[in-house]
Amino acid sequence: MSAPTKQEMLDAIETAINGLSSGVKSYTINGRTMTYRDIADLKQMRDQLKKELSPTIDRTTYASFKDPS
C-alpha cells in the first residue's frame, strides 16, 4: 500500500474535523478503527497541508497582450 498523497491526507483531515464537529471521536469500518486527534492539531495539520498544496491548487496564469501597431 502506497503512502497517501497530500491531497488525500487533507481530505482525511477535513473528514476528521467534520466528524469531531458532530461529536464522533472514533469509528470502525471493516474492522479498521480510526480515532481522531485533538481538533486543534487537526486544524494545524490542515492549514499546513493547504499551504503546501496551494501552489498546485490555485495556479493562476496571466497573459499580457500589446497592440502591435
Protein backbone atom coordinates (compact mmCIF):
# COMPACT_ATOMS: atom_id res chain seq x y z
CA MET A 1 0.00 0.00 0.00
CA SER A 2 1.47 3.33 -1.02
CA ALA A 3 1.62 6.39 1.18
CA PRO A 4 -1.34 8.76 0.81
CA THR A 5 -0.87 11.90 -1.25
CA LYS A 6 -1.02 15.30 0.43
CA GLN A 7 -4.46 15.86 -1.11
CA GLU A 8 -5.69 12.54 0.29
CA MET A 9 -4.31 13.48 3.71
CA LEU A 10 -6.05 16.87 3.51
CA ASP A 11 -9.34 15.19 2.59
CA ALA A 12 -8.99 12.77 5.52
CA ILE A 13 -8.26 15.62 7.93
CA GLU A 14 -11.29 17.56 6.69
CA THR A 15 -13.42 14.45 7.26
CA ALA A 16 -11.97 14.08 10.75
CA ILE A 17 -12.69 17.72 11.61
CA ASN A 18 -16.26 17.34 10.38
CA GLY A 19 -16.61 14.17 12.44
CA LEU A 20 -15.35 15.88 15.58
CA SER A 21 -17.75 18.74 14.96
CA SER A 22 -20.61 16.26 15.06
CA GLY A 23 -19.31 14.64 18.25
CA VAL A 24 -17.75 11.50 16.72
CA LYS A 25 -14.37 10.67 18.32
CA SER A 26 -13.76 7.33 16.58
CA TYR A 27 -15.35 4.87 14.20
CA THR A 28 -14.75 1.40 12.79
CA ILE A 29 -15.18 0.33 9.16
CA ASN A 30 -14.43 -3.23 8.02
CA GLY A 31 -12.54 -3.93 11.24
CA ARG A 32 -10.30 -0.87 10.91
CA THR A 33 -10.68 1.68 13.71
CA MET A 34 -9.93 5.37 13.29
CA THR A 35 -9.58 7.60 16.35
CA TYR A 36 -9.38 11.34 15.79
CA ARG A 37 -6.75 13.58 17.28
CA ASP A 38 -7.42 16.84 19.06
CA ILE A 39 -9.29 19.27 16.79
CA ALA A 40 -6.60 21.96 17.25
CA ASP A 41 -3.95 19.51 16.00
CA LEU A 42 -6.11 18.57 13.03
CA LYS A 43 -6.70 22.21 12.10
CA GLN A 44 -2.98 22.93 12.31
CA MET A 45 -2.21 19.94 10.08
CA ARG A 46 -4.97 21.02 7.66
CA ASP A 47 -3.63 24.56 7.43
CA GLN A 48 -0.08 23.29 6.79
CA LEU A 49 -1.23 20.92 4.06
CA LYS A 50 -3.28 23.70 2.43
CA LYS A 51 -0.16 25.89 2.34
CA GLU A 52 1.85 23.08 0.80
CA LEU A 53 -0.84 22.34 -1.78
CA SER A 54 -1.78 25.94 -2.61
CA PRO A 55 0.76 26.35 -5.42
CA THR A 56 -0.70 23.27 -7.11
CA ILE A 57 -4.34 24.13 -6.43
CA ASP A 58 -4.51 27.86 -7.08
CA ARG A 59 -2.30 28.29 -10.11
CA THR A 60 -3.14 31.44 -11.99
CA THR A 61 -1.55 32.38 -15.29
CA TYR A 62 -1.61 35.93 -16.56
CA ALA A 63 -1.05 37.00 -20.15
CA SER A 64 -0.17 40.42 -21.43
CA PHE A 65 -1.31 41.47 -24.89
CA LYS A 66 0.20 44.53 -26.53
CA ASP A 67 -1.09 46.46 -29.51
CA PRO A 68 1.22 45.56 -32.43
CA SER A 69 0.88 48.99 -34.08
